[in-house]
Every structure is written in structure tokens, then in C-alpha cells.
């Protein structure tokens, strides 16, 4: 019979314990407060000279001088504009509608207030006015 090898006892290796070293606590040093640099003295301003008195500017923009109203709405299906009047207007007067993309001159042929035809409108009225081409809200109306 062949010789059997004896099983040797397991070799006990000494266990290596892992040693975790803790880092020593560091002491934080306070940083010294930063000093703000001293402000330099501002240079002295030159003495004010008297200027001639300015003329008063016109209270309205130049484009609005002589304006009798503003377009507040436009109805494209009937070519009618709603105008808030700042001055009186009559049928037969010639008006000019001026805006960013609009420049239209025409005679007033038909005016209405609350769907009722009128011949004259006074300051403060909102009227409906027939126009020949498109106008836009915000356009200014002048008497030509």
C-alpha cells in the first residue's frame, strides 16, 4: 500500500491586528483681522460756475403737439377705429393718423358714439370712426 501522508495540523499564523492611528488634533489658529486700507481724501471739486437759465421745455412731446386724440382700438372687419378725443371733431374735418407704421390722411365721413351716428364730438368722447386703411392702437390723431 502506498504510504499516506499525514495531514499536518494547520499552521497558526499570528494574526496581525490592524492598528489605526488617529491623526493628532490640529489647533486652528485664528487669522488676524484684515485692516481696511485708509480712504484717500477725495480731490476737491472745482467751484461751480453759474450757467444761463435753461428755457422751459414743452410739456408735451413734439409729436403730440396739436394732437386731437389717440386710437384705442381697430376693428379690421369693418375698417373702423375707436378714438379717445382730446379736442372736438366734426364730420367733414380732415384728420391725419400717424404712428410707428401708419401715416394716413383722410376726411371724416362717419362718426358714431354707442352705435348712434353723430355730426360733432366733444373733448373726452370716445368715438367710432370709419377709416380707409388699417390703423393701430396707440397711433396719434391730428387735425390737418
N, C-alpha and C. Protein backbone atom coordinates (compact mmCIF):
# COMPACT_ATOMS: atom_id res chain seq x y z
N UNK A 1 0.79 -1.16 0.00
CA UNK A 1 0.00 0.00 0.00
C UNK A 1 0.86 1.26 0.00
N UNK A 2 0.33 2.16 -0.69
CA UNK A 2 1.11 3.37 -0.73
C UNK A 2 1.05 4.09 0.61
N UNK A 3 2.04 4.76 0.84
CA UNK A 3 2.11 5.46 2.11
C UNK A 3 1.25 6.72 2.06
N UNK A 4 0.49 6.88 3.10
CA UNK A 4 -0.35 8.07 3.19
C UNK A 4 0.41 9.16 3.91
N UNK A 5 0.24 10.28 3.35
CA UNK A 5 0.88 11.41 4.00
C UNK A 5 0.00 11.86 5.15
N UNK A 6 0.62 12.16 6.18
CA UNK A 6 -0.11 12.63 7.33
C UNK A 6 -0.49 14.10 7.11
N UNK A 7 -1.69 14.31 7.50
CA UNK A 7 -2.13 15.70 7.40
C UNK A 7 -1.54 16.44 8.57
N UNK A 8 -0.89 17.46 8.21
CA UNK A 8 -0.28 18.22 9.30
C UNK A 8 -1.31 19.21 9.84
N UNK A 9 -1.16 19.53 11.03
CA UNK A 9 -2.07 20.47 11.69
C UNK A 9 -1.91 21.84 11.03
N UNK A 10 -3.01 22.55 10.90
CA UNK A 10 -2.90 23.85 10.26
C UNK A 10 -1.97 24.75 11.06
N UNK A 11 -1.19 25.42 10.32
CA UNK A 11 -0.25 26.30 10.99
C UNK A 11 -0.97 27.57 11.42
N UNK A 12 -0.85 27.84 12.62
CA UNK A 12 -1.49 29.06 13.16
C UNK A 12 -0.53 30.22 12.96
N UNK A 13 -0.99 31.05 12.09
CA UNK A 13 -0.19 32.24 11.86
C UNK A 13 -0.65 33.29 12.86
N UNK A 14 0.26 33.97 13.40
CA UNK A 14 -0.17 35.00 14.35
C UNK A 14 -0.97 36.09 13.58
N UNK A 15 -2.13 36.43 14.11
CA UNK A 15 -2.99 37.41 13.45
C UNK A 15 -2.38 38.81 13.60
N UNK A 16 -2.44 39.48 12.51
CA UNK A 16 -1.90 40.84 12.54
C UNK A 16 -3.08 41.79 12.72
N UNK A 17 -3.08 42.40 13.83
CA UNK A 17 -4.14 43.36 14.07
C UNK A 17 -3.78 44.67 13.38
N UNK A 18 -4.79 45.19 12.70
CA UNK A 18 -4.56 46.45 12.02
C UNK A 18 -4.67 47.57 13.05
N UNK A 19 -3.66 48.31 13.12
CA UNK A 19 -3.64 49.41 14.07
C UNK A 19 -3.90 50.69 13.29
N UNK A 20 -4.97 51.34 13.68
CA UNK A 20 -5.33 52.59 13.02
C UNK A 20 -4.86 53.72 13.91
N UNK A 21 -4.01 54.48 13.37
CA UNK A 21 -3.50 55.60 14.14
C UNK A 21 -4.36 56.82 13.83
N UNK A 22 -4.78 57.48 14.85
CA UNK A 22 -5.56 58.68 14.68
C UNK A 22 -4.62 59.86 14.54
N UNK A 23 -4.98 60.72 13.62
CA UNK A 23 -4.17 61.90 13.42
C UNK A 23 -4.33 62.81 14.63
N UNK A 24 -3.30 63.42 15.04
CA UNK A 24 -3.41 64.31 16.20
C UNK A 24 -4.29 65.51 15.83
N UNK A 25 -5.03 65.97 16.82
CA UNK A 25 -5.89 67.12 16.60
C UNK A 25 -5.04 68.34 16.33
N UNK A 26 -5.48 69.07 15.27
CA UNK A 26 -4.73 70.27 14.95
C UNK A 26 -5.44 71.46 15.56
N UNK A 27 -4.71 72.36 16.01
CA UNK A 27 -5.28 73.56 16.62
C UNK A 27 -5.29 74.63 15.53
N UNK A 28 -6.49 75.12 15.29
CA UNK A 28 -6.61 76.15 14.26
C UNK A 28 -6.26 77.49 14.87
N UNK A 29 -5.40 78.15 14.19
CA UNK A 29 -5.02 79.47 14.66
C UNK A 29 -5.93 80.50 14.02
N UNK A 30 -6.34 81.43 14.79
CA UNK A 30 -7.20 82.49 14.27
C UNK A 30 -6.36 83.41 13.41
N UNK A 31 -6.96 83.74 12.24
CA UNK A 31 -6.25 84.64 11.35
C UNK A 31 -6.45 86.06 11.86
N UNK A 32 -5.46 86.85 11.75
CA UNK A 32 -5.61 88.23 12.22
C UNK A 32 -6.60 88.96 11.31
N UNK A 33 -7.41 89.83 11.89
CA UNK A 33 -8.40 90.59 11.12
C UNK A 33 -7.68 91.48 10.12
N UNK A 34 -8.24 91.50 8.91
CA UNK A 34 -7.62 92.32 7.88
C UNK A 34 -8.01 93.78 8.11
N UNK A 35 -7.05 94.60 8.01
CA UNK A 35 -7.31 96.02 8.18
C UNK A 35 -7.64 96.63 6.82
N UNK A 36 -8.70 97.42 6.82
CA UNK A 36 -9.08 98.08 5.57
C UNK A 36 -8.11 99.23 5.33
N UNK A 37 -7.75 99.38 4.06
CA UNK A 37 -6.83 100.49 3.78
C UNK A 37 -7.54 101.82 4.03
N UNK A 38 -6.79 102.76 4.48
CA UNK A 38 -7.35 104.08 4.78
C UNK A 38 -7.82 104.73 3.49
N UNK A 39 -8.99 105.39 3.56
CA UNK A 39 -9.52 106.05 2.38
C UNK A 39 -8.72 107.31 2.09
N UNK A 40 -8.49 107.47 0.80
CA UNK A 40 -7.77 108.67 0.40
C UNK A 40 -8.76 109.82 0.32
N UNK A 41 -8.32 110.96 0.61
CA UNK A 41 -9.18 112.13 0.56
C UNK A 41 -9.56 112.39 -0.90
N UNK A 42 -10.85 112.63 -1.14
CA UNK A 42 -11.33 112.90 -2.49
C UNK A 42 -10.79 114.24 -2.96
N UNK A 43 -10.46 114.31 -4.24
CA UNK A 43 -9.96 115.60 -4.73
C UNK A 43 -11.07 116.65 -4.67
N UNK A 44 -10.71 117.85 -4.41
CA UNK A 44 -11.70 118.91 -4.27
C UNK A 44 -12.28 119.23 -5.64
N UNK A 45 -13.61 119.41 -5.64
CA UNK A 45 -14.30 119.72 -6.88
C UNK A 45 -14.10 121.19 -7.20
N UNK A 46 -14.11 121.45 -8.49
CA UNK A 46 -13.95 122.83 -8.93
C UNK A 46 -15.19 123.62 -8.54
N UNK A 47 -15.02 124.87 -8.31
CA UNK A 47 -16.14 125.72 -7.92
C UNK A 47 -17.16 125.76 -9.05
N UNK A 48 -18.44 125.72 -8.67
CA UNK A 48 -19.49 125.73 -9.68
C UNK A 48 -19.58 127.11 -10.31
N UNK A 49 -19.73 127.08 -11.62
CA UNK A 49 -19.90 128.35 -12.32
C UNK A 49 -21.38 128.52 -12.64
N UNK A 50 -21.82 129.73 -12.67
CA UNK A 50 -23.22 129.99 -12.96
C UNK A 50 -23.44 129.82 -14.46
N UNK A 51 -24.49 129.08 -14.77
CA UNK A 51 -24.85 128.87 -16.18
C UNK A 51 -26.13 129.65 -16.46
N UNK A 52 -26.33 130.00 -17.70
CA UNK A 52 -27.56 130.72 -18.02
C UNK A 52 -28.77 129.83 -17.76
N UNK A 53 -29.86 130.42 -17.33
CA UNK A 53 -31.06 129.66 -17.01
C UNK A 53 -31.57 128.98 -18.28
N UNK A 54 -31.98 127.71 -18.12
CA UNK A 54 -32.48 126.96 -19.27
C UNK A 54 -33.92 127.36 -19.54
N UNK A 55 -34.26 127.33 -20.80
CA UNK A 55 -35.63 127.62 -21.15
C UNK A 55 -36.49 126.42 -20.80
N UNK A 56 -37.73 126.67 -20.45
CA UNK A 56 -38.62 125.56 -20.09
C UNK A 56 -38.93 124.75 -21.33
N UNK A 57 -38.92 123.44 -21.15
CA UNK A 57 -39.26 122.55 -22.25
C UNK A 57 -40.77 122.47 -22.37
N UNK A 58 -41.21 122.16 -23.56
CA UNK A 58 -42.65 121.98 -23.77
C UNK A 58 -43.11 120.79 -22.95
N UNK A 59 -44.31 120.89 -22.39
CA UNK A 59 -44.79 119.83 -21.51
C UNK A 59 -45.12 118.56 -22.29
N UNK A 60 -45.43 118.70 -23.57
CA UNK A 60 -45.77 117.54 -24.38
C UNK A 60 -44.64 117.24 -25.35
N UNK A 61 -44.62 116.00 -25.84
CA UNK A 61 -43.64 115.62 -26.84
C UNK A 61 -43.95 116.38 -28.13
N UNK A 62 -42.94 116.65 -28.95
CA UNK A 62 -43.20 117.38 -30.19
C UNK A 62 -44.20 116.65 -31.09
N UNK A 63 -44.21 115.33 -31.08
CA UNK A 63 -45.11 114.57 -31.93
C UNK A 63 -46.56 114.70 -31.47
N UNK A 64 -46.76 115.08 -30.20
CA UNK A 64 -48.12 115.15 -29.67
C UNK A 64 -48.70 116.56 -29.71
N UNK A 65 -47.94 117.54 -30.13
CA UNK A 65 -48.45 118.91 -30.21
C UNK A 65 -49.52 118.95 -31.30
N UNK A 66 -50.65 119.48 -30.97
CA UNK A 66 -51.73 119.58 -31.94
C UNK A 66 -52.52 118.30 -32.10
N UNK A 67 -52.23 117.29 -31.30
CA UNK A 67 -52.95 116.02 -31.39
C UNK A 67 -54.36 116.22 -30.85
N UNK A 68 -55.33 115.63 -31.54
CA UNK A 68 -56.71 115.74 -31.06
C UNK A 68 -57.21 114.43 -30.46
N UNK A 69 -56.39 113.36 -30.52
CA UNK A 69 -56.82 112.10 -29.93
C UNK A 69 -55.84 110.98 -30.18
N UNK A 70 -56.20 109.82 -29.65
CA UNK A 70 -55.38 108.61 -29.81
C UNK A 70 -56.29 107.45 -30.18
N UNK A 71 -55.77 106.57 -31.04
CA UNK A 71 -56.50 105.37 -31.42
C UNK A 71 -56.41 104.39 -30.25
N UNK A 72 -57.56 103.88 -29.79
CA UNK A 72 -57.54 102.91 -28.70
C UNK A 72 -57.84 101.50 -29.18
N UNK A 73 -58.51 101.38 -30.34
CA UNK A 73 -58.83 100.05 -30.87
C UNK A 73 -59.12 100.16 -32.36
N UNK A 74 -58.94 99.04 -33.09
CA UNK A 74 -59.24 99.00 -34.52
C UNK A 74 -60.02 97.72 -34.82
N UNK A 75 -61.10 97.86 -35.57
CA UNK A 75 -61.90 96.71 -35.98
C UNK A 75 -61.65 96.46 -37.47
N UNK A 76 -60.85 95.43 -37.80
CA UNK A 76 -60.47 95.24 -39.21
C UNK A 76 -61.62 94.78 -40.12
N UNK A 77 -62.60 94.08 -39.58
CA UNK A 77 -63.67 93.57 -40.44
C UNK A 77 -64.59 94.69 -40.95
N UNK A 78 -64.63 95.83 -40.28
CA UNK A 78 -65.46 96.96 -40.74
C UNK A 78 -64.62 98.21 -41.02
N UNK A 79 -63.31 98.12 -40.87
CA UNK A 79 -62.39 99.26 -41.03
C UNK A 79 -62.85 100.46 -40.21
N UNK A 80 -63.02 100.22 -38.92
CA UNK A 80 -63.42 101.29 -38.01
C UNK A 80 -62.42 101.38 -36.87
N UNK A 81 -62.16 102.61 -36.46
CA UNK A 81 -61.22 102.85 -35.36
C UNK A 81 -61.95 103.51 -34.21
N UNK A 82 -61.52 103.22 -32.99
CA UNK A 82 -62.05 103.88 -31.81
C UNK A 82 -61.02 104.93 -31.41
N UNK A 83 -61.49 106.17 -31.26
CA UNK A 83 -60.58 107.28 -30.93
C UNK A 83 -61.03 107.93 -29.62
N UNK A 84 -60.09 108.11 -28.69
CA UNK A 84 -60.33 108.88 -27.47
C UNK A 84 -59.94 110.31 -27.78
N UNK A 85 -60.92 111.20 -27.80
CA UNK A 85 -60.67 112.58 -28.24
C UNK A 85 -60.14 113.47 -27.11
N UNK A 86 -59.20 114.37 -27.48
CA UNK A 86 -58.68 115.39 -26.57
C UNK A 86 -59.16 116.78 -27.01
N UNK A 87 -59.81 116.82 -28.17
CA UNK A 87 -60.31 118.07 -28.72
C UNK A 87 -61.56 117.76 -29.55
N UNK A 88 -62.42 118.74 -29.80
CA UNK A 88 -63.63 118.46 -30.57
C UNK A 88 -63.33 118.10 -32.03
N UNK A 89 -64.25 117.35 -32.64
CA UNK A 89 -64.10 116.90 -34.02
C UNK A 89 -65.46 116.88 -34.69
N UNK A 90 -65.53 117.28 -35.98
CA UNK A 90 -66.80 117.33 -36.73
C UNK A 90 -66.70 116.47 -37.98
N UNK A 91 -67.84 116.06 -38.50
CA UNK A 91 -67.87 115.38 -39.78
C UNK A 91 -67.45 116.38 -40.83
N UNK A 92 -66.58 116.00 -41.75
CA UNK A 92 -66.07 116.89 -42.79
C UNK A 92 -64.67 117.40 -42.49
N UNK A 93 -64.22 117.31 -41.22
CA UNK A 93 -62.85 117.72 -40.88
C UNK A 93 -61.86 116.75 -41.52
N UNK A 94 -60.67 117.26 -41.80
CA UNK A 94 -59.62 116.39 -42.33
C UNK A 94 -58.69 116.01 -41.17
N UNK A 95 -58.41 114.72 -41.05
CA UNK A 95 -57.54 114.23 -39.96
C UNK A 95 -56.34 113.51 -40.54
N UNK A 96 -55.32 113.40 -39.71
CA UNK A 96 -54.12 112.63 -40.06
C UNK A 96 -53.85 111.67 -38.92
N UNK A 97 -53.70 110.40 -39.25
CA UNK A 97 -53.38 109.37 -38.26
C UNK A 97 -51.92 109.02 -38.46
N UNK A 98 -51.12 109.22 -37.42
CA UNK A 98 -49.67 109.00 -37.51
C UNK A 98 -49.25 108.04 -36.41
N UNK A 99 -48.49 107.03 -36.80
CA UNK A 99 -47.97 106.06 -35.84
C UNK A 99 -46.65 105.50 -36.32
N UNK A 100 -46.20 104.45 -35.65
CA UNK A 100 -44.91 103.84 -35.99
C UNK A 100 -44.89 103.33 -37.43
N UNK A 101 -45.97 102.69 -37.84
CA UNK A 101 -46.04 102.16 -39.21
C UNK A 101 -47.20 102.76 -39.99
N UNK A 102 -47.86 103.76 -39.43
CA UNK A 102 -49.05 104.31 -40.04
C UNK A 102 -48.85 105.79 -40.37
N UNK A 103 -49.32 106.20 -41.53
CA UNK A 103 -49.37 107.61 -41.88
C UNK A 103 -50.52 107.76 -42.87
N UNK A 104 -51.65 108.23 -42.38
CA UNK A 104 -52.87 108.23 -43.16
C UNK A 104 -53.55 109.59 -43.02
N UNK A 105 -53.95 110.17 -44.15
CA UNK A 105 -54.70 111.42 -44.13
C UNK A 105 -56.03 111.19 -44.83
N UNK A 106 -57.13 111.61 -44.20
CA UNK A 106 -58.45 111.43 -44.80
C UNK A 106 -59.47 112.37 -44.18
N UNK A 107 -60.63 112.45 -44.85
CA UNK A 107 -61.73 113.27 -44.36
C UNK A 107 -62.63 112.43 -43.47
N UNK A 108 -63.18 113.05 -42.42
CA UNK A 108 -64.09 112.35 -41.52
C UNK A 108 -65.44 112.25 -42.23
N UNK A 109 -65.86 111.02 -42.55
CA UNK A 109 -67.12 110.85 -43.28
C UNK A 109 -68.22 110.32 -42.36
N UNK A 110 -67.86 109.55 -41.34
CA UNK A 110 -68.87 108.95 -40.48
C UNK A 110 -68.31 108.78 -39.08
N UNK A 111 -69.07 109.24 -38.09
CA UNK A 111 -68.68 109.08 -36.68
C UNK A 111 -69.86 108.51 -35.92
N UNK A 112 -69.56 107.73 -34.87
CA UNK A 112 -70.61 107.16 -34.04
C UNK A 112 -70.18 107.17 -32.58
N UNK A 113 -71.18 107.31 -31.70
CA UNK A 113 -70.98 107.09 -30.27
C UNK A 113 -72.05 106.09 -29.85
N UNK A 114 -71.66 104.97 -29.31
CA UNK A 114 -72.58 103.90 -28.91
C UNK A 114 -73.51 103.49 -30.06
N UNK A 115 -72.94 103.29 -31.25
CA UNK A 115 -73.66 102.84 -32.46
C UNK A 115 -74.70 103.84 -32.95
N UNK A 116 -74.61 105.09 -32.52
CA UNK A 116 -75.54 106.12 -32.99
C UNK A 116 -74.72 107.16 -33.76
N UNK A 117 -75.12 107.45 -35.01
CA UNK A 117 -74.37 108.42 -35.81
C UNK A 117 -74.46 109.83 -35.21
N UNK A 118 -73.34 110.53 -35.26
CA UNK A 118 -73.29 111.91 -34.76
C UNK A 118 -72.57 112.79 -35.77
N UNK A 119 -72.76 114.09 -35.67
CA UNK A 119 -72.08 115.05 -36.56
C UNK A 119 -70.92 115.74 -35.86
N UNK A 120 -70.99 115.87 -34.53
CA UNK A 120 -69.93 116.52 -33.76
C UNK A 120 -69.62 115.69 -32.52
N UNK A 121 -68.36 115.69 -32.14
CA UNK A 121 -67.94 115.02 -30.89
C UNK A 121 -67.11 116.02 -30.10
N UNK A 122 -67.29 116.01 -28.80
CA UNK A 122 -66.56 116.97 -27.97
C UNK A 122 -65.37 116.30 -27.27
N UNK A 123 -64.58 117.11 -26.62
CA UNK A 123 -63.40 116.63 -25.90
C UNK A 123 -63.83 115.61 -24.84
N UNK A 124 -63.09 114.48 -24.74
CA UNK A 124 -63.38 113.45 -23.75
C UNK A 124 -64.24 112.32 -24.27
N UNK A 125 -64.85 112.49 -25.46
CA UNK A 125 -65.68 111.42 -26.04
C UNK A 125 -64.80 110.32 -26.64
N UNK A 126 -65.34 109.10 -26.66
CA UNK A 126 -64.72 108.01 -27.40
C UNK A 126 -65.64 107.72 -28.57
N UNK A 127 -65.11 107.91 -29.77
CA UNK A 127 -65.95 107.78 -30.96
C UNK A 127 -65.47 106.63 -31.83
N UNK A 128 -66.39 106.11 -32.62
CA UNK A 128 -66.04 105.16 -33.66
C UNK A 128 -65.96 105.92 -34.96
N UNK A 129 -64.93 105.66 -35.76
CA UNK A 129 -64.68 106.44 -36.97
C UNK A 129 -64.34 105.49 -38.10
N UNK A 130 -64.99 105.67 -39.26
CA UNK A 130 -64.66 104.86 -40.43
C UNK A 130 -63.34 105.34 -41.02
N UNK A 131 -62.42 104.40 -41.31
CA UNK A 131 -61.14 104.74 -41.92
C UNK A 131 -60.97 103.89 -43.17
N UNK A 132 -60.10 104.34 -44.08
CA UNK A 132 -59.92 103.63 -45.34
C UNK A 132 -58.89 102.51 -45.27
N UNK A 133 -57.94 102.62 -44.33
CA UNK A 133 -56.94 101.55 -44.21
C UNK A 133 -56.64 101.29 -42.74
N UNK A 134 -55.80 100.29 -42.52
CA UNK A 134 -55.52 99.83 -41.16
C UNK A 134 -54.81 100.90 -40.33
N UNK A 135 -55.27 101.07 -39.10
CA UNK A 135 -54.59 101.90 -38.10
C UNK A 135 -54.36 101.03 -36.88
N UNK A 136 -53.49 101.46 -35.99
CA UNK A 136 -53.15 100.62 -34.83
C UNK A 136 -53.39 101.37 -33.53
N UNK A 137 -53.67 100.59 -32.49
CA UNK A 137 -53.86 101.17 -31.16
C UNK A 137 -52.58 101.90 -30.78
N UNK A 138 -52.72 103.11 -30.26
CA UNK A 138 -51.56 103.91 -29.88
C UNK A 138 -51.20 104.96 -30.91
N UNK A 139 -51.72 104.86 -32.15
CA UNK A 139 -51.46 105.88 -33.15
C UNK A 139 -52.08 107.20 -32.71
N UNK A 140 -51.46 108.30 -33.10
CA UNK A 140 -51.94 109.62 -32.72
C UNK A 140 -52.75 110.24 -33.86
N UNK A 141 -53.83 110.93 -33.50
CA UNK A 141 -54.71 111.56 -34.49
C UNK A 141 -54.54 113.07 -34.41
N UNK A 142 -54.28 113.70 -35.57
CA UNK A 142 -54.11 115.15 -35.66
C UNK A 142 -55.19 115.72 -36.56
N UNK A 143 -55.49 116.99 -36.36
CA UNK A 143 -56.40 117.69 -37.27
C UNK A 143 -55.53 118.32 -38.34
N UNK A 144 -55.82 118.03 -39.61
CA UNK A 144 -54.98 118.52 -40.71
C UNK A 144 -55.47 119.86 -41.21
